[in-house]
Protein backbone atom coordinates (compact mmCIF):
# COMPACT_ATOMS: atom_id res chain seq x y z
CA MET A 1 0.00 0.00 0.00
CA SER A 2 1.31 3.45 -0.93
CA PHE A 3 0.31 6.74 0.66
CA VAL A 4 -0.13 10.28 -0.57
CA VAL A 5 2.88 12.46 0.16
CA HIS A 6 2.04 16.14 0.62
CA PRO A 7 3.23 18.81 3.06
CA ARG A 8 -0.36 19.31 4.26
CA LEU A 9 -1.12 15.59 4.79
CA ARG A 10 0.15 13.60 7.75
CA HIS A 11 2.69 10.87 7.05
CA GLU A 12 1.20 7.57 5.81
CA ARG A 13 -2.38 8.54 6.58
CA VAL A 14 -4.17 8.84 3.22
CA GLU A 15 -3.89 5.83 0.93
CA ASP A 16 -2.92 6.70 -2.63
CA ARG A 17 -5.61 5.35 -4.96
CA GLN A 18 -5.45 6.25 -8.64
CA TYR A 19 -9.15 7.05 -9.06
CA GLN A 20 -9.07 9.37 -6.04
CA ARG A 21 -6.00 11.12 -7.46
CA VAL A 22 -7.66 11.58 -10.87
CA ILE A 23 -10.87 12.93 -9.30
CA ALA A 24 -9.01 15.30 -6.94
CA ASP A 25 -6.87 16.62 -9.79
CA HIS A 26 -10.00 17.33 -11.85
CA ALA A 27 -11.58 19.05 -8.84
CA SER A 28 -8.48 21.24 -8.44
CA ARG A 29 -9.17 22.73 -11.88
CA GLU A 30 -12.95 23.23 -11.83
CA ASN A 31 -16.08 22.71 -9.76
CA VAL A 32 -16.91 19.00 -9.64
CA LEU A 33 -19.67 16.69 -8.43
CA VAL A 34 -18.21 13.36 -7.29
CA VAL A 35 -20.52 10.35 -7.41
CA LEU A 36 -18.76 7.50 -5.65
CA PRO A 37 -20.17 4.43 -3.86
CA THR A 38 -20.18 4.63 -0.08
CA GLY A 39 -16.97 3.34 1.47
CA LEU A 40 -14.74 4.11 -1.53
CA GLY A 41 -13.26 7.33 -0.24
CA LYS A 42 -15.20 10.50 -1.01
CA THR A 43 -13.66 11.98 2.14
CA ALA A 44 -10.17 10.98 0.96
CA VAL A 45 -10.78 12.91 -2.27
CA ALA A 46 -11.84 15.92 -0.21
CA LEU A 47 -8.75 15.65 2.02
CA ARG A 48 -6.40 15.59 -1.00
CA LEU A 49 -8.09 18.64 -2.46
CA MET A 50 -8.21 20.47 0.88
CA ALA A 51 -4.49 19.85 1.39
CA GLU A 52 -3.67 21.27 -2.03
CA VAL A 53 -5.81 24.40 -1.81
CA LEU A 54 -4.50 25.17 1.68
CA GLU A 55 -0.98 24.92 0.29
CA ARG A 56 -1.79 27.03 -2.77
CA ARG A 57 -3.79 29.72 -0.93
CA PRO A 58 -2.44 30.10 2.62
CA ASP A 59 -4.40 33.34 2.91
CA ARG A 60 -7.76 31.58 2.58
CA SER A 61 -9.74 29.03 4.58
CA VAL A 62 -11.62 25.87 3.59
CA LEU A 63 -15.29 25.22 4.38
CA PHE A 64 -16.61 21.67 4.74
CA LEU A 65 -20.42 21.39 4.96
CA ALA A 66 -22.28 18.32 6.27
CA PRO A 67 -26.03 17.94 6.97
CA THR A 68 -25.94 16.84 10.62
CA ARG A 69 -23.91 17.45 13.74
CA PRO A 70 -22.71 13.81 14.00
CA LEU A 71 -21.40 14.09 10.44
CA VAL A 72 -19.75 17.43 11.24
CA GLU A 73 -18.03 15.90 14.27
CA GLN A 74 -16.97 12.90 12.20
CA HIS A 75 -15.40 15.07 9.48
CA ALA A 76 -13.69 17.22 12.11
CA GLU A 77 -12.04 14.12 13.56
CA SER A 78 -10.93 13.08 10.06
CA VAL A 79 -9.36 16.50 9.46
CA ARG A 80 -7.55 16.36 12.82
CA ALA A 81 -6.19 12.91 12.02
CA ASN A 82 -5.09 13.55 8.43
CA LEU A 83 -4.45 17.23 7.67
CA VAL A 84 -1.48 19.31 8.79
CA ALA A 85 -3.54 22.40 9.60
CA PRO A 86 -4.78 24.43 12.55
CA GLU A 87 -7.36 22.79 14.81
CA PRO A 88 -10.58 22.66 12.73
CA LEU A 89 -13.38 25.00 13.73
CA VAL A 90 -16.64 23.13 14.31
CA PHE A 91 -19.62 25.40 13.75
CA THR A 92 -23.05 24.15 14.78
CA GLY A 93 -26.04 25.86 16.37
CA ALA A 94 -24.42 25.29 19.77
CA ILE A 95 -21.98 28.16 19.16
CA PRO A 96 -23.51 31.69 19.17
CA PRO A 97 -23.13 33.72 15.91
CA ASP A 98 -20.96 36.43 17.52
CA ARG A 99 -18.61 33.81 18.87
CA ARG A 100 -18.37 32.13 15.45
CA LYS A 101 -17.44 35.45 13.85
CA ASP A 102 -14.70 36.08 16.43
CA LEU A 103 -13.12 32.67 15.78
CA LEU A 104 -12.63 33.22 12.04
CA SER A 105 -9.00 33.95 11.14
CA PRO A 106 -7.72 32.36 7.87
CA PRO A 107 -6.18 30.00 7.05
CA GLN A 108 -8.48 27.51 8.79
CA VAL A 109 -10.68 24.52 8.12
CA VAL A 110 -14.26 25.28 9.10
CA ILE A 111 -16.60 22.30 9.37
CA ALA A 112 -20.24 23.19 9.79
CA THR A 113 -23.88 22.40 9.22
CA PRO A 114 -25.29 24.33 6.24
CA GLN A 115 -28.06 25.92 8.31
CA VAL A 116 -25.51 27.69 10.51
CA ILE A 117 -23.46 28.99 7.58
CA ALA A 118 -26.55 30.07 5.64
CA ASN A 119 -27.80 32.05 8.66
CA ASP A 120 -24.41 33.74 9.08
CA VAL A 121 -24.26 34.66 5.39
CA ARG A 122 -27.78 36.12 5.46
CA SER A 123 -27.01 38.18 8.56
CA GLY A 124 -23.73 39.46 7.13
CA ALA A 125 -21.69 37.78 9.88
CA LEU A 126 -19.78 35.65 7.34
CA ASP A 127 -18.20 36.54 4.00
CA LEU A 128 -17.82 33.41 1.84
CA SER A 129 -14.95 35.02 -0.06
CA ILE A 130 -12.60 34.07 2.81
CA PHE A 131 -12.76 30.50 1.52
CA SER A 132 -10.82 29.00 -1.38
CA LEU A 133 -12.81 25.74 -1.32
CA VAL A 134 -16.31 24.75 -0.19
CA VAL A 135 -17.11 21.03 0.11
CA PHE A 136 -20.77 19.98 0.01
CA ASP A 137 -21.14 16.54 1.60
CA GLU A 138 -24.34 14.65 0.64
CA ALA A 139 -24.61 17.06 -2.29
CA HIS A 140 -27.83 15.48 -3.60
CA ARG A 141 -29.58 17.63 -0.98
CA ALA A 142 -28.91 20.76 -3.08
CA SER A 143 -32.48 21.18 -4.27
CA GLY A 144 -35.71 22.85 -3.16
CA ASP A 145 -35.24 25.13 -0.16
CA TYR A 146 -32.35 23.24 1.48
CA PRO A 147 -29.59 25.67 2.62
CA TYR A 148 -27.14 24.20 0.09
CA VAL A 149 -29.14 25.97 -2.63
CA MET A 150 -28.80 29.40 -1.04
CA LEU A 151 -25.08 28.88 -0.38
CA GLY A 152 -24.45 27.60 -3.91
CA GLY A 153 -26.14 30.70 -5.28
CA ALA A 154 -24.00 32.97 -3.10
CA LEU A 155 -20.83 31.19 -4.25
CA ARG A 156 -21.72 31.67 -7.92
CA GLU A 157 -21.42 35.41 -7.34
CA LEU A 158 -17.81 35.03 -6.19
CA SER A 159 -14.62 34.29 -8.09
CA GLY A 160 -11.79 32.07 -6.92
CA VAL A 161 -13.87 29.76 -4.71
CA ARG A 162 -13.77 26.12 -5.77
CA VAL A 163 -16.79 23.85 -5.14
CA LEU A 164 -16.64 20.10 -4.53
CA GLY A 165 -19.92 18.20 -4.24
CA MET A 166 -19.92 14.62 -2.96
CA THR A 167 -22.65 11.99 -2.97
CA ALA A 168 -23.14 8.26 -3.29
CA SER A 169 -26.60 8.59 -4.82
CA PRO A 170 -27.71 11.69 -6.75
CA GLY A 171 -31.05 10.15 -7.80
CA TYR A 172 -32.53 8.66 -10.95
CA ASP A 173 -34.22 11.79 -12.32
CA LYS A 174 -32.03 13.65 -14.82
CA SER A 175 -33.77 16.95 -14.15
CA LYS A 176 -33.03 16.61 -10.41
CA ILE A 177 -29.35 15.85 -11.06
CA LEU A 178 -29.11 18.84 -13.38
CA GLU A 179 -30.82 20.93 -10.68
CA VAL A 180 -28.16 19.90 -8.15
CA LEU A 181 -25.39 20.76 -10.61
CA ARG A 182 -26.96 24.12 -11.42
CA ASN A 183 -27.52 24.99 -7.76
CA LEU A 184 -23.88 24.27 -6.91
CA GLY A 185 -22.46 26.03 -9.97
CA ILE A 186 -21.09 22.83 -11.53
CA SER A 187 -20.95 22.36 -15.30
CA PRO A 188 -23.03 19.36 -16.48
CA SER A 189 -20.77 19.04 -19.55
CA SER A 190 -17.45 18.82 -17.72
CA GLY A 191 -17.91 18.78 -13.95
CA ILE A 192 -19.06 15.23 -13.14
CA GLU A 193 -16.86 12.40 -11.87
CA VAL A 194 -18.79 9.13 -11.66
CA ARG A 195 -17.56 5.76 -10.46
CA THR A 196 -19.63 2.63 -9.88
CA GLN A 197 -18.70 -0.66 -8.29
CA GLN A 198 -17.97 -1.96 -11.80
CA SER A 199 -15.57 0.85 -12.77
CA PRO A 200 -12.17 -0.73 -13.56
CA ASP A 201 -10.22 1.65 -11.32
CA VAL A 202 -12.64 1.14 -8.41
CA ALA A 203 -13.37 -2.60 -8.61
CA PRO A 204 -10.14 -3.72 -6.82
CA TYR A 205 -11.17 -1.73 -3.74
CA PHE A 206 -14.78 -2.84 -3.57
CA HIS A 207 -15.67 -5.39 -0.90
CA GLY A 208 -18.80 -7.20 -1.99
CA THR A 209 -22.12 -6.92 -0.21
CA GLU A 210 -24.42 -9.92 -0.21
CA ILE A 211 -28.10 -8.91 -0.28
CA THR A 212 -30.60 -11.44 1.07
CA PRO A 213 -34.38 -10.91 0.97
CA VAL A 214 -36.19 -12.65 3.84
CA TYR A 215 -39.97 -13.08 3.58
CA VAL A 216 -42.43 -13.43 6.44
CA ASP A 217 -46.15 -14.20 6.43
CA ASN A 218 -48.58 -12.16 8.47
CA PRO A 219 -50.76 -14.24 10.82
CA PRO A 220 -54.58 -14.26 10.44
CA GLN A 221 -55.05 -11.73 13.27
CA ILE A 222 -52.95 -9.10 11.46
CA LEU A 223 -54.63 -9.88 8.14
CA GLU A 224 -58.03 -9.30 9.75
CA ILE A 225 -56.92 -5.96 11.17
CA ALA A 226 -55.50 -4.96 7.79
CA SER A 227 -58.75 -5.86 6.00
CA HIS A 228 -60.72 -3.44 8.20
CA LEU A 229 -58.14 -0.72 7.62
CA ARG A 230 -58.38 -1.25 3.87
CA ALA A 231 -62.16 -0.98 4.04
CA SER A 232 -61.81 2.36 5.82
CA PHE A 233 -59.28 3.53 3.24
CA GLN A 234 -61.49 2.50 0.33
CA ARG A 235 -64.50 4.29 1.82
CA GLN A 236 -62.65 7.62 1.66
CA VAL A 237 -61.26 6.93 -1.80
CA GLU A 238 -64.76 6.27 -3.14
CA ARG A 239 -65.89 9.48 -1.49
CA LEU A 240 -63.16 11.36 -3.39
CA CYS A 241 -63.96 9.63 -6.66
CA LYS A 242 -67.65 10.55 -6.39
CA GLY A 243 -66.60 14.18 -5.94
CA GLY A 244 -64.57 14.01 -9.14
CA HIS A 245 -61.21 14.39 -7.39
CA LEU A 246 -59.83 10.95 -8.29
CA PRO A 247 -60.51 8.89 -11.44
CA ASP A 248 -60.51 5.21 -10.41
CA PRO A 249 -61.15 3.91 -6.87
CA GLU A 250 -59.35 0.64 -7.65
CA ARG A 251 -56.05 2.25 -8.66
CA VAL A 252 -55.44 4.87 -6.01
CA GLY A 253 -52.15 4.80 -4.13
CA ARG A 254 -50.39 7.01 -1.62
CA GLY A 255 -48.74 9.02 -4.39
CA ASP A 256 -52.14 9.87 -5.89
CA LEU A 257 -53.37 11.05 -2.49
CA LEU A 258 -50.29 13.18 -1.91
CA GLN A 259 -50.73 14.87 -5.29
CA LEU A 260 -54.42 15.44 -4.56
CA GLY A 261 -53.56 16.96 -1.20
CA LEU A 262 -51.23 19.43 -2.92
CA ARG A 263 -53.94 20.43 -5.41
CA LEU A 264 -56.50 20.89 -2.65
CA ARG A 265 -54.17 23.07 -0.59
CA GLN A 266 -53.52 25.19 -3.66
CA ALA A 267 -57.28 25.55 -4.22
CA VAL A 268 -57.79 26.67 -0.62
CA ALA A 269 -54.91 29.14 -0.81
CA SER A 270 -56.14 30.54 -4.13
CA ALA A 271 -59.67 31.08 -2.78
CA ARG A 272 -58.39 32.86 0.32
CA ALA A 273 -55.98 34.99 -1.72
CA SER A 274 -58.92 36.31 -3.74
CA GLY A 275 -60.76 37.26 -0.56
CA GLY A 276 -63.26 34.41 -0.61
CA GLN A 277 -63.69 31.02 0.99
CA PRO A 278 -63.18 27.61 -0.65
CA ASP A 279 -66.23 25.77 -1.93
CA PRO A 280 -67.74 23.42 0.73
CA TYR A 281 -67.06 20.50 -1.62
CA VAL A 282 -63.35 21.37 -1.45
CA TRP A 283 -63.43 21.18 2.35
CA ASP A 284 -65.16 17.79 2.11
CA ALA A 285 -62.39 16.59 -0.18
CA VAL A 286 -59.74 17.96 2.17
CA ASN A 287 -61.27 15.94 5.01
CA ALA A 288 -61.58 12.75 2.91
CA GLN A 289 -58.00 13.03 1.65
CA ALA A 290 -56.63 13.48 5.19
CA VAL A 291 -58.65 10.52 6.50
CA ALA A 292 -57.50 8.35 3.60
CA MET A 293 -53.87 9.23 4.37
CA LYS A 294 -54.36 8.20 8.00
CA ALA A 295 -55.90 4.90 6.91
CA SER A 296 -53.03 4.35 4.47
CA HIS A 297 -50.50 4.93 7.24
CA ALA A 298 -52.37 2.55 9.56
CA ILE A 299 -52.33 -0.16 6.87
CA GLU A 300 -48.57 0.16 6.62
CA MET A 301 -48.22 -0.03 10.40
CA ALA A 302 -50.28 -3.23 10.56
CA GLU A 303 -48.92 -5.06 7.52
CA SER A 304 -45.23 -4.22 7.59
CA GLN A 305 -44.32 -2.56 10.90
CA SER A 306 -45.70 -3.59 14.30
CA LEU A 307 -48.99 -3.70 16.15
CA GLU A 308 -47.47 -1.74 19.01
CA ALA A 309 -46.58 1.01 16.53
CA LEU A 310 -50.18 0.93 15.30
CA ARG A 311 -51.45 1.29 18.87
CA SER A 312 -49.13 4.26 19.41
CA PHE A 313 -50.47 5.85 16.22
CA PHE A 314 -54.04 5.68 17.54
CA GLU A 315 -52.96 7.06 20.92
CA ARG A 316 -51.37 10.09 19.26
CA LEU A 317 -54.50 10.72 17.21
CA GLU A 318 -56.53 10.80 20.41
CA GLY A 319 -54.31 13.49 21.87
CA GLY A 320 -51.27 11.56 22.99
CA ARG A 321 -49.00 14.08 21.29
CA HIS A 322 -49.06 16.29 24.39
CA ARG A 323 -46.60 15.86 27.19
CA PRO A 324 -47.75 13.97 30.30
CA GLY A 325 -49.78 16.29 32.50
CA GLY A 326 -50.35 18.77 29.69
CA LYS A 327 -53.67 19.69 28.14
CA PRO A 328 -54.64 17.39 25.24
CA PRO A 329 -54.91 19.23 21.92
CA LYS A 330 -58.23 19.54 20.15
CA LEU A 331 -58.84 16.79 17.60
CA SER A 332 -58.88 17.88 13.97
CA PRO A 333 -61.99 17.15 11.84
CA SER A 334 -60.11 14.42 9.97
CA ASP A 335 -58.97 12.83 13.26
CA ARG A 336 -62.57 12.68 14.46
CA THR A 337 -63.84 11.28 11.14
CA PHE A 338 -61.14 8.64 11.10
CA LEU A 339 -61.60 7.51 14.70
CA LYS A 340 -65.39 7.28 14.30
CA ASP A 341 -65.17 5.12 11.18
CA PRO A 342 -66.86 1.75 11.99
CA ASP A 343 -63.94 -0.26 10.61
CA ILE A 344 -61.46 1.75 12.63
CA GLU A 345 -63.52 1.20 15.77
CA GLU A 346 -63.43 -2.53 15.03
CA VAL A 347 -59.65 -2.43 14.53
CA ARG A 348 -59.22 -0.86 17.94
CA ARG A 349 -61.38 -3.55 19.54
CA LEU A 350 -59.26 -6.21 17.85
CA LEU A 351 -56.03 -4.58 19.04
CA GLU A 352 -57.24 -4.86 22.63
CA LYS A 353 -57.70 -8.62 22.22
CA VAL A 354 -54.65 -9.48 20.09
CA ASP A 355 -51.60 -10.55 22.09
CA LEU A 356 -48.95 -10.96 19.40
CA GLU A 357 -46.44 -8.89 17.50
CA HIS A 358 -45.53 -8.60 13.87
CA PRO A 359 -43.46 -11.61 12.68
CA LYS A 360 -40.74 -9.27 11.45
CA VAL A 361 -39.86 -8.39 15.04
CA ALA A 362 -39.01 -12.00 15.89
CA LYS A 363 -37.17 -12.35 12.57
CA VAL A 364 -34.97 -9.32 13.37
CA VAL A 365 -34.04 -10.86 16.71
CA GLU A 366 -33.24 -14.17 15.00
CA VAL A 367 -31.09 -12.58 12.26
CA VAL A 368 -29.14 -10.31 14.63
CA ARG A 369 -28.62 -12.99 17.25
CA ASP A 370 -27.41 -15.52 14.65
CA GLU A 371 -24.89 -12.99 13.33
CA LEU A 372 -23.50 -12.30 16.82
CA LEU A 373 -23.36 -15.99 17.71
CA LYS A 374 -21.32 -16.69 14.58
CA HIS A 375 -19.21 -13.52 14.83
CA PRO A 376 -19.18 -12.16 18.41
CA THR A 377 -17.22 -9.03 17.42
CA SER A 378 -19.66 -8.02 14.69
CA ARG A 379 -21.47 -4.70 14.57
CA VAL A 380 -25.04 -4.63 13.29
CA LEU A 381 -27.26 -1.81 12.02
CA VAL A 382 -31.02 -2.30 11.87
CA PHE A 383 -32.90 0.33 9.88
CA SER A 384 -36.55 1.14 10.45
CA HIS A 385 -38.49 3.94 8.82
CA PHE A 386 -40.58 4.71 11.93
CA ARG A 387 -39.49 5.74 15.41
CA ASP A 388 -42.23 3.67 17.07
CA THR A 389 -41.08 0.53 15.29
CA ALA A 390 -37.46 1.27 16.20
CA LYS A 391 -38.51 1.35 19.84
CA VAL A 392 -40.30 -2.00 19.54
CA ILE A 393 -37.26 -3.58 17.82
CA THR A 394 -34.82 -2.22 20.40
CA GLU A 395 -36.87 -3.63 23.28
CA ALA A 396 -37.12 -7.03 21.56
CA LEU A 397 -33.36 -7.15 20.93
CA SER A 398 -32.65 -6.15 24.53
CA ASN A 399 -34.62 -9.22 25.63
CA ALA A 400 -33.02 -11.59 23.10
CA PRO A 401 -31.99 -14.96 24.58
CA GLY A 402 -28.44 -15.24 25.85
CA GLY A 403 -27.94 -11.55 26.49
CA ILE A 404 -25.47 -11.22 23.61
CA VAL A 405 -27.24 -8.35 21.84
CA HIS A 406 -26.47 -4.91 23.26
CA PRO A 407 -28.69 -2.54 21.27
CA ALA A 408 -29.51 1.13 21.37
CA ARG A 409 -32.07 3.15 19.49
CA PHE A 410 -30.53 5.80 17.25
CA VAL A 411 -33.12 8.38 16.21
CA GLY A 412 -33.23 12.10 15.58
CA GLN A 413 -34.52 14.74 17.93
CA ALA A 414 -38.30 15.06 17.90
CA ASP A 415 -40.33 18.22 17.51
CA LYS A 416 -41.28 20.12 20.65
CA GLY A 417 -44.34 18.85 22.43
CA VAL A 418 -43.79 15.19 21.56
CA SER A 419 -43.38 12.85 24.51
CA ASP A 420 -40.79 10.70 22.68
CA ARG A 421 -38.12 13.37 22.38
CA GLY A 422 -35.55 11.15 20.66
CA LEU A 423 -31.83 11.95 20.84
CA SER A 424 -30.19 15.33 20.73
CA GLN A 425 -27.24 15.63 18.34
CA LYS A 426 -24.87 15.47 21.31
CA GLU A 427 -26.55 12.24 22.46
CA GLN A 428 -26.31 10.84 18.93
CA VAL A 429 -22.56 11.42 18.92
CA ALA A 430 -22.26 9.68 22.30
CA VAL A 431 -24.23 6.63 21.08
CA LEU A 432 -22.00 6.37 18.00
CA ASP A 433 -18.90 6.49 20.20
CA ARG A 434 -20.29 3.63 22.32
CA PHE A 435 -21.05 1.67 19.16
CA ARG A 436 -17.59 2.17 17.70
CA GLY A 437 -15.99 1.32 21.04
CA GLY A 438 -17.86 -2.00 21.37
CA GLU A 439 -20.04 -1.17 24.36
CA LEU A 440 -22.98 -1.50 21.94
CA ASN A 441 -23.02 -4.04 19.12
CA CYS A 442 -26.33 -3.13 17.49
CA LEU A 443 -27.93 0.17 16.51
CA VAL A 444 -31.62 0.36 15.66
CA ALA A 445 -31.78 3.47 13.54
CA THR A 446 -34.15 5.60 11.54
CA SER A 447 -33.11 7.70 8.53
CA VAL A 448 -30.75 9.78 10.71
CA ALA A 449 -28.15 6.99 10.31
CA GLU A 450 -28.47 6.66 6.55
CA GLU A 451 -26.01 9.38 5.58
CA GLY A 452 -22.28 9.29 6.04
CA LEU A 453 -21.73 7.38 9.27
CA ASP A 454 -18.12 6.24 9.51
CA ILE A 455 -18.50 2.86 11.17
CA PRO A 456 -15.89 0.70 9.45
CA ASN A 457 -16.67 -2.58 11.16
CA THR A 458 -20.41 -2.82 10.46
CA ASP A 459 -20.80 -6.37 9.18
CA LEU A 460 -24.56 -6.68 8.85
CA VAL A 461 -27.27 -4.22 7.87
CA VAL A 462 -30.91 -5.20 8.31
CA PHE A 463 -33.67 -3.35 6.48
CA TYR A 464 -36.77 -3.81 8.61
CA GLU A 465 -38.63 -2.69 5.51
CA PRO A 466 -37.49 -1.83 1.97
CA VAL A 467 -37.72 1.82 1.03
CA PRO A 468 -38.91 2.89 -2.44
CA SER A 469 -36.25 5.62 -2.63
CA GLU A 470 -33.09 4.58 -4.47
CA ILE A 471 -31.09 7.26 -2.62
CA ARG A 472 -32.09 5.96 0.81
CA THR A 473 -31.62 2.34 -0.27
CA ILE A 474 -28.06 3.05 -1.41
CA GLN A 475 -27.33 5.05 1.74
CA ARG A 476 -28.61 2.25 3.99
CA ARG A 477 -26.79 -0.48 2.09
CA GLY A 478 -23.57 1.53 2.09
CA ARG A 479 -23.24 1.21 5.87
CA THR A 480 -21.62 -2.21 5.32
CA GLY A 481 -19.00 -3.67 2.97
CA ARG A 482 -16.69 -0.70 3.46
CA PHE A 483 -13.49 -2.44 4.52
CA ARG A 484 -14.48 -6.09 4.11
CA SER A 485 -17.37 -8.07 2.72
CA GLY A 486 -20.69 -7.27 4.33
CA GLU A 487 -24.24 -8.57 4.34
CA VAL A 488 -27.59 -6.90 3.91
CA VAL A 489 -30.84 -8.58 4.94
CA VAL A 490 -34.10 -7.08 3.70
CA LEU A 491 -37.29 -8.13 5.50
CA LEU A 492 -40.49 -8.28 3.44
CA ALA A 493 -44.01 -9.14 4.54
CA ARG A 494 -45.82 -10.98 1.77
CA GLY A 495 -48.90 -9.20 0.46
CA SER A 496 -47.83 -5.82 1.89
CA ARG A 497 -46.29 -2.68 0.40
CA ASP A 498 -42.87 -4.14 1.13
CA VAL A 499 -42.73 -6.04 -2.15
CA PRO A 500 -43.59 -3.18 -4.55
CA SER A 501 -41.28 -0.88 -2.57
CA GLN A 502 -38.42 -3.31 -3.11
CA TYR A 503 -39.05 -3.46 -6.86
CA SER A 504 -39.45 0.31 -7.04
CA ALA A 505 -36.08 1.01 -5.39
CA ARG A 506 -34.33 -1.57 -7.55
CA GLY A 507 -35.77 -0.10 -10.74
CA LYS A 508 -34.86 3.47 -9.76
CA GLU A 509 -31.32 2.43 -8.87
CA HIS A 510 -30.79 0.79 -12.26
CA LYS A 511 -32.20 3.88 -13.94
CA MET A 512 -29.82 6.07 -11.94
CA GLU A 513 -26.81 4.01 -13.03
CA ARG A 514 -27.83 4.25 -16.69
CA LEU A 515 -28.39 8.00 -16.36
CA LEU A 516 -25.00 8.59 -14.75
CA GLN A 517 -23.29 6.61 -17.48
CA GLU A 518 -25.15 8.68 -20.07
CA LEU A 519 -24.09 11.96 -18.42
CA GLN A 520 -20.48 10.81 -18.32
CA ARG A 521 -20.58 9.82 -22.00
CA GLU A 522 -21.97 13.25 -22.85
CA MET A 523 -19.16 14.83 -20.84
CA ARG A 524 -16.51 12.83 -22.73
CA VAL A 525 -18.01 13.89 -26.07
CA SER A 526 -17.99 17.51 -24.94
CA GLU A 527 -14.35 17.24 -23.82
CA SER A 528 -13.41 15.61 -27.13
CA ARG A 529 -15.01 18.41 -29.09
CA ARG A 530 -13.21 21.04 -27.06
CA SER A 531 -9.93 19.23 -27.53
CA GLY A 532 -10.53 18.87 -31.27
CA GLY A 533 -11.27 22.57 -31.45
CA GLY A 534 -7.78 23.33 -30.27
CA GLU A 535 -8.63 24.32 -26.70
CA ARG A 536 -5.84 23.94 -24.18
CA PRO A 537 -5.97 23.88 -20.39
CA ALA A 538 -5.22 27.24 -18.81
CA PRO A 539 -1.55 27.53 -17.77
CA ARG A 540 -0.83 27.04 -14.10
CA PRO A 541 0.26 30.07 -12.11
CA PRO A 542 3.91 29.89 -10.97
CA GLY A 543 4.34 27.62 -7.99
CA GLN A 544 1.03 25.76 -8.44
CA SER A 545 1.31 21.99 -8.41
CA GLN A 546 -1.10 19.52 -9.88
CA LEU A 547 -2.25 16.73 -7.63
CA GLU A 548 -0.24 14.15 -9.59
CA ASP A 549 2.88 15.94 -8.37
CA PHE A 550 2.28 14.88 -4.77
CA GLY A 551 0.14 11.76 -5.24
CA ARG A 552 2.97 9.25 -5.23
């Protein structure tokens, strides 16, 4: 193994991989979006580039943006361990704005959440021109109203600030990828570096991940509960179809309801903007759509999550959102309609009598326990979409036979007023430290653990449910197979939404791979045309080195 030699990189710390050198050299010359599978060194690319720009521009600082505080802390530790530079400045909401401003004195490495930096830029407390490089980790977030968009726009107004975007999964929609590129000021014709697991220069470093689908069958009691929930759902769908809001009651899914909800909200807003009130039929549709969404969520809880999570859902609808001892909030019209539905009332009676749990819960315990019996030093990540289900899974694993599973729930911080407050970002960092150190050998996590966690010895990842998003699927799967072969187990309940979700994610991922290959081919054609037209790279200023010069 050879290492990168550079005055700004610590001795024998960053492995010298050709594809990382090529990508970093490209990024030293223009703004670049790097698409690289998780575990193959996006951070190493960033470190090489950071080292070079700090050496080239000692009068400027470097800004490294990451979406969450645990990720910020993780990148700060990486900078401390690998870069020869002043102690990195970690900027999160925990440090007051005035204090952040006082700490700035280039050259430095500032590692921060984008919300903090965006707020400081808006208030005038931070001038982005003090930076020579801005790194956007999880760059696929640069769309909509996420702070990356505002910061990318501000950087486009400046000269001499390089942008590096990094992601493992930019999505399967070409327009969304182009939106990310545009928002970060990256050229779609020359600023993309894509590698897949099959790329010749990457393949030697990829440690395979075995993916195993495991099916379970719901018992009759759960099927009965689900049938009543479906009847409630269909009742509201037929109500919407009769009102002309949906075309076919037999082909309505959650996506159709979400789109309808958007249209209805726009109709209400438009009526109020003109000084009037929405038509009563619109309010009826608003109620039916909201009730249908609640029924849809309940179906998912019953068929693919847990009955305890379904019970918790009903408790919150009745006013359980308030803190103990507080005044229960007033039920919304859709809450009242839903809870008074005859099929929902029957479901609640059945839940009082049923003394069993979803078969997936027992299967998770079996899979995790088997892994730890075979490999006692293993680390396991269990992903669940819902916080309630994560709680159920954590309790079941804590009671697993033999006492060999030491789990902890790893969830984000909840909104104010919710009794299950979750974990603060400081508590999240502490749980990760316990997991890395071996005190815990299993994390039961929601989406907060999908992005960027540096846990090199995670041997098994369990999807409690498949997710239809290709980005989230890739992020979850990328938590294993980073330094050695890993395993992914995906649990699916037959006859539930699990199966179409699995197919949906797989199809979107294949489409994303084809799209990325297409974009890279277009980039090569564009480069070839420029080269054929006699264009030459701009000469380097005296004293500037290319990354090949120190990547030996």
